[in-house]
Amino acid sequence: MKSKNKKGSINLELDENLAQGTYSNLALINHSISEFVVDFINIMPGVPKAKVKSRIILTPQHAKRFSKALNENISRFEKSNGEIKDYDKQQPISLNFGPAGEA
């Protein structure tokens, strides 16, 4: 799948397998002075183990731009579809990644 290239635009290529996406219901975010690391996880109720399905590494500037773009899209979504409910009664998740490390 390719996008049409117009003046001032970027030609993006999206592989068919990647276009299907990966479901995630948990994101963990860590940062250092030079990068933000976002791990996307699919955790299932009652299953004590979950795998990181995707890891995205961003510069601080791109992380801030991503946050702004996500907030703008959430606002547009809520204007069209109503407020997204944020359920406060989430169960605490105990995460064990083995030995700690730094990027």
N, C-alpha and C. Protein backbone atom coordinates (compact mmCIF):
# COMPACT_ATOMS: atom_id res chain seq x y z
N MET A 1 0.84 -1.17 0.00
CA MET A 1 0.00 0.00 0.00
C MET A 1 0.89 1.23 0.00
N LYS A 2 0.74 2.12 -0.96
CA LYS A 2 1.54 3.35 -1.06
C LYS A 2 0.59 4.54 -1.10
N SER A 3 1.07 5.66 -0.52
CA SER A 3 0.29 6.89 -0.59
C SER A 3 0.73 7.67 -1.83
N LYS A 4 -0.18 8.51 -2.36
CA LYS A 4 0.17 9.34 -3.50
C LYS A 4 1.12 10.44 -3.05
N ASN A 5 2.10 10.72 -3.86
CA ASN A 5 3.10 11.73 -3.52
C ASN A 5 2.70 13.07 -4.10
N LYS A 6 2.32 14.01 -3.23
CA LYS A 6 2.00 15.37 -3.64
C LYS A 6 3.17 16.26 -3.25
N LYS A 7 3.24 17.44 -3.83
CA LYS A 7 4.32 18.36 -3.52
C LYS A 7 4.34 18.66 -2.02
N GLY A 8 5.52 18.51 -1.40
CA GLY A 8 5.66 18.77 0.01
C GLY A 8 5.20 17.63 0.91
N SER A 9 4.94 16.46 0.35
CA SER A 9 4.50 15.32 1.17
C SER A 9 5.54 14.21 1.11
N ILE A 10 5.37 13.25 1.97
CA ILE A 10 6.29 12.12 2.05
C ILE A 10 5.57 10.88 1.51
N ASN A 11 6.24 10.12 0.69
CA ASN A 11 5.68 8.88 0.17
C ASN A 11 5.87 7.79 1.22
N LEU A 12 4.79 7.31 1.81
CA LEU A 12 4.85 6.29 2.84
C LEU A 12 4.51 4.93 2.27
N GLU A 13 5.22 3.93 2.70
CA GLU A 13 4.95 2.56 2.29
C GLU A 13 4.54 1.78 3.52
N LEU A 14 3.43 1.04 3.43
CA LEU A 14 2.91 0.27 4.55
C LEU A 14 2.76 -1.19 4.13
N ASP A 15 3.58 -2.04 4.70
CA ASP A 15 3.55 -3.47 4.44
C ASP A 15 2.19 -4.04 4.84
N GLU A 16 1.69 -5.01 4.08
CA GLU A 16 0.36 -5.59 4.35
C GLU A 16 0.27 -6.19 5.75
N ASN A 17 1.30 -6.89 6.21
CA ASN A 17 1.28 -7.49 7.56
C ASN A 17 1.26 -6.41 8.64
N LEU A 18 2.03 -5.37 8.44
CA LEU A 18 2.08 -4.28 9.39
C LEU A 18 0.76 -3.50 9.40
N ALA A 19 0.11 -3.40 8.26
CA ALA A 19 -1.15 -2.66 8.14
C ALA A 19 -2.25 -3.29 9.00
N GLN A 20 -2.15 -4.57 9.29
CA GLN A 20 -3.16 -5.23 10.13
C GLN A 20 -3.08 -4.77 11.57
N GLY A 21 -1.94 -4.26 11.99
CA GLY A 21 -1.78 -3.74 13.33
C GLY A 21 -1.61 -4.83 14.38
N THR A 22 -1.30 -4.40 15.60
CA THR A 22 -1.13 -5.29 16.74
C THR A 22 -1.94 -4.70 17.88
N TYR A 23 -2.80 -5.52 18.49
CA TYR A 23 -3.63 -5.06 19.59
C TYR A 23 -2.80 -4.87 20.85
N SER A 24 -3.06 -3.79 21.57
CA SER A 24 -2.40 -3.52 22.84
C SER A 24 -3.41 -2.93 23.81
N ASN A 25 -3.41 -3.43 25.05
CA ASN A 25 -4.28 -2.86 26.07
C ASN A 25 -3.47 -2.35 27.28
N LEU A 26 -2.17 -2.26 27.10
CA LEU A 26 -1.30 -1.71 28.13
C LEU A 26 -0.07 -1.10 27.47
N ALA A 27 0.29 0.09 27.91
CA ALA A 27 1.52 0.73 27.42
C ALA A 27 2.34 1.15 28.63
N LEU A 28 3.61 0.82 28.59
CA LEU A 28 4.54 1.23 29.63
C LEU A 28 5.52 2.22 29.02
N ILE A 29 5.76 3.32 29.73
CA ILE A 29 6.61 4.38 29.20
C ILE A 29 7.75 4.64 30.16
N ASN A 30 8.95 4.61 29.64
CA ASN A 30 10.15 4.96 30.40
C ASN A 30 10.92 6.00 29.60
N HIS A 31 11.81 6.73 30.27
CA HIS A 31 12.59 7.73 29.55
C HIS A 31 13.96 7.89 30.17
N SER A 32 14.85 8.35 29.34
CA SER A 32 16.18 8.78 29.77
C SER A 32 16.33 10.22 29.31
N ILE A 33 17.48 10.78 29.44
CA ILE A 33 17.71 12.16 29.03
C ILE A 33 17.58 12.32 27.51
N SER A 34 17.79 11.24 26.76
CA SER A 34 17.82 11.36 25.30
C SER A 34 16.69 10.66 24.57
N GLU A 35 15.87 9.86 25.27
CA GLU A 35 14.81 9.13 24.55
C GLU A 35 13.67 8.71 25.47
N PHE A 36 12.52 8.51 24.84
CA PHE A 36 11.36 7.92 25.49
C PHE A 36 11.16 6.54 24.87
N VAL A 37 10.91 5.55 25.70
CA VAL A 37 10.69 4.19 25.24
C VAL A 37 9.26 3.80 25.61
N VAL A 38 8.46 3.44 24.62
CA VAL A 38 7.07 3.05 24.84
C VAL A 38 6.93 1.58 24.44
N ASP A 39 6.60 0.75 25.43
CA ASP A 39 6.36 -0.67 25.18
C ASP A 39 4.85 -0.91 25.14
N PHE A 40 4.38 -1.53 24.07
CA PHE A 40 2.96 -1.87 23.92
C PHE A 40 2.79 -3.36 24.20
N ILE A 41 1.84 -3.66 25.08
CA ILE A 41 1.67 -5.01 25.60
C ILE A 41 0.21 -5.42 25.47
N ASN A 42 -0.03 -6.71 25.23
CA ASN A 42 -1.37 -7.27 25.26
C ASN A 42 -1.42 -8.19 26.47
N ILE A 43 -2.09 -7.73 27.53
CA ILE A 43 -2.18 -8.51 28.76
C ILE A 43 -3.60 -9.05 28.89
N MET A 44 -3.70 -10.33 29.19
CA MET A 44 -5.01 -10.98 29.28
C MET A 44 -5.35 -11.25 30.74
N PRO A 45 -6.62 -11.04 31.13
CA PRO A 45 -7.03 -11.30 32.51
C PRO A 45 -6.76 -12.75 32.91
N GLY A 46 -6.21 -12.94 34.10
CA GLY A 46 -5.96 -14.28 34.62
C GLY A 46 -4.71 -14.95 34.09
N VAL A 47 -4.02 -14.31 33.16
CA VAL A 47 -2.80 -14.89 32.60
C VAL A 47 -1.62 -14.15 33.24
N PRO A 48 -0.75 -14.87 33.96
CA PRO A 48 0.31 -14.20 34.72
C PRO A 48 1.49 -13.70 33.88
N LYS A 49 1.49 -13.99 32.58
CA LYS A 49 2.62 -13.60 31.74
C LYS A 49 2.10 -12.87 30.50
N ALA A 50 2.81 -11.83 30.10
CA ALA A 50 2.46 -11.08 28.89
C ALA A 50 3.74 -10.69 28.17
N LYS A 51 3.66 -10.58 26.85
CA LYS A 51 4.83 -10.21 26.06
C LYS A 51 4.67 -8.80 25.52
N VAL A 52 5.79 -8.10 25.44
CA VAL A 52 5.81 -6.82 24.75
C VAL A 52 5.61 -7.12 23.27
N LYS A 53 4.59 -6.51 22.67
CA LYS A 53 4.28 -6.75 21.26
C LYS A 53 5.00 -5.78 20.34
N SER A 54 5.30 -4.58 20.87
CA SER A 54 5.98 -3.58 20.05
C SER A 54 6.67 -2.58 20.96
N ARG A 55 7.83 -2.11 20.56
CA ARG A 55 8.57 -1.09 21.30
C ARG A 55 8.86 0.06 20.34
N ILE A 56 8.49 1.26 20.76
CA ILE A 56 8.75 2.46 19.98
C ILE A 56 9.69 3.34 20.79
N ILE A 57 10.75 3.82 20.15
CA ILE A 57 11.73 4.69 20.81
C ILE A 57 11.67 6.05 20.13
N LEU A 58 11.45 7.09 20.93
CA LEU A 58 11.27 8.45 20.42
C LEU A 58 12.25 9.42 21.07
N THR A 59 12.64 10.44 20.32
CA THR A 59 13.38 11.54 20.95
C THR A 59 12.39 12.30 21.83
N PRO A 60 12.87 13.07 22.81
CA PRO A 60 11.95 13.86 23.63
C PRO A 60 11.07 14.80 22.79
N GLN A 61 11.63 15.39 21.74
CA GLN A 61 10.86 16.29 20.89
C GLN A 61 9.73 15.54 20.16
N HIS A 62 10.04 14.36 19.64
CA HIS A 62 9.02 13.59 18.95
C HIS A 62 7.98 13.04 19.93
N ALA A 63 8.40 12.71 21.15
CA ALA A 63 7.45 12.25 22.17
C ALA A 63 6.44 13.36 22.48
N LYS A 64 6.93 14.59 22.58
CA LYS A 64 6.04 15.72 22.86
C LYS A 64 5.08 15.97 21.69
N ARG A 65 5.59 15.89 20.47
CA ARG A 65 4.74 16.04 19.28
C ARG A 65 3.69 14.93 19.21
N PHE A 66 4.11 13.71 19.54
CA PHE A 66 3.18 12.57 19.54
C PHE A 66 2.08 12.79 20.58
N SER A 67 2.46 13.24 21.77
CA SER A 67 1.49 13.51 22.83
C SER A 67 0.47 14.57 22.38
N LYS A 68 0.95 15.63 21.76
CA LYS A 68 0.06 16.69 21.28
C LYS A 68 -0.88 16.16 20.20
N ALA A 69 -0.35 15.40 19.26
CA ALA A 69 -1.18 14.84 18.18
C ALA A 69 -2.22 13.87 18.73
N LEU A 70 -1.82 13.04 19.70
CA LEU A 70 -2.76 12.09 20.30
C LEU A 70 -3.87 12.83 21.04
N ASN A 71 -3.52 13.87 21.82
CA ASN A 71 -4.53 14.66 22.52
C ASN A 71 -5.49 15.34 21.56
N GLU A 72 -4.98 15.89 20.46
CA GLU A 72 -5.84 16.52 19.45
C GLU A 72 -6.80 15.51 18.84
N ASN A 73 -6.31 14.30 18.55
CA ASN A 73 -7.17 13.27 17.97
C ASN A 73 -8.20 12.76 18.97
N ILE A 74 -7.85 12.65 20.23
CA ILE A 74 -8.82 12.25 21.25
C ILE A 74 -9.91 13.31 21.37
N SER A 75 -9.54 14.58 21.33
CA SER A 75 -10.54 15.66 21.39
C SER A 75 -11.50 15.58 20.21
N ARG A 76 -10.97 15.36 19.00
CA ARG A 76 -11.83 15.23 17.81
C ARG A 76 -12.75 14.02 17.93
N PHE A 77 -12.20 12.90 18.42
CA PHE A 77 -13.00 11.69 18.59
C PHE A 77 -14.16 11.95 19.56
N GLU A 78 -13.86 12.60 20.69
CA GLU A 78 -14.89 12.84 21.70
C GLU A 78 -15.94 13.83 21.22
N LYS A 79 -15.56 14.77 20.38
CA LYS A 79 -16.55 15.69 19.81
C LYS A 79 -17.53 14.94 18.92
N SER A 80 -17.05 13.94 18.20
CA SER A 80 -17.90 13.16 17.29
C SER A 80 -18.65 12.03 17.99
N ASN A 81 -18.03 11.43 19.02
CA ASN A 81 -18.56 10.19 19.59
C ASN A 81 -18.90 10.26 21.07
N GLY A 82 -18.68 11.37 21.71
CA GLY A 82 -18.92 11.49 23.14
C GLY A 82 -17.67 11.19 23.94
N GLU A 83 -17.74 11.53 25.21
CA GLU A 83 -16.58 11.38 26.10
C GLU A 83 -16.16 9.93 26.25
N ILE A 84 -14.87 9.70 26.21
CA ILE A 84 -14.31 8.37 26.47
C ILE A 84 -14.27 8.19 27.98
N LYS A 85 -14.88 7.14 28.46
CA LYS A 85 -14.92 6.86 29.91
C LYS A 85 -13.55 6.38 30.37
N ASP A 86 -13.09 6.94 31.47
CA ASP A 86 -11.83 6.53 32.08
C ASP A 86 -12.17 5.85 33.40
N TYR A 87 -12.10 4.55 33.43
CA TYR A 87 -12.48 3.80 34.62
C TYR A 87 -11.36 3.83 35.64
N ASP A 88 -11.65 4.39 36.81
CA ASP A 88 -10.65 4.53 37.87
C ASP A 88 -10.35 3.21 38.57
N LYS A 89 -11.25 2.25 38.51
CA LYS A 89 -11.08 1.00 39.25
C LYS A 89 -10.29 -0.03 38.45
N GLN A 90 -9.08 0.34 38.10
CA GLN A 90 -8.20 -0.60 37.41
C GLN A 90 -7.41 -1.36 38.45
N GLN A 91 -7.21 -2.64 38.19
CA GLN A 91 -6.43 -3.45 39.12
C GLN A 91 -4.96 -3.12 38.96
N PRO A 92 -4.24 -3.04 40.08
CA PRO A 92 -2.80 -2.81 39.97
C PRO A 92 -2.13 -3.98 39.26
N ILE A 93 -1.15 -3.66 38.45
CA ILE A 93 -0.45 -4.69 37.68
C ILE A 93 0.97 -4.80 38.22
N SER A 94 1.34 -5.99 38.62
CA SER A 94 2.69 -6.24 39.08
C SER A 94 3.52 -6.67 37.88
N LEU A 95 4.54 -5.92 37.56
CA LEU A 95 5.35 -6.22 36.39
C LEU A 95 6.75 -6.61 36.82
N ASN A 96 7.25 -7.70 36.25
CA ASN A 96 8.59 -8.16 36.55
C ASN A 96 9.34 -8.34 35.23
N PHE A 97 10.32 -7.51 35.01
CA PHE A 97 11.09 -7.56 33.77
C PHE A 97 12.47 -8.16 33.97
N GLY A 98 12.70 -8.75 35.12
CA GLY A 98 14.02 -9.30 35.38
C GLY A 98 14.96 -8.19 35.82
N PRO A 99 16.25 -8.36 35.59
CA PRO A 99 17.23 -7.35 36.03
C PRO A 99 16.96 -6.00 35.42
N ALA A 100 17.11 -4.94 36.20
CA ALA A 100 16.87 -3.58 35.71
C ALA A 100 18.03 -3.14 34.84
N GLY A 101 17.74 -2.30 33.86
CA GLY A 101 18.77 -1.79 32.98
C GLY A 101 18.45 -0.38 32.56
N GLU A 102 19.40 0.29 31.95
CA GLU A 102 19.19 1.64 31.44
C GLU A 102 19.56 1.70 29.98
N ALA A 103 18.90 2.58 29.27
CA ALA A 103 19.21 2.78 27.86
C ALA A 103 20.28 3.81 27.70
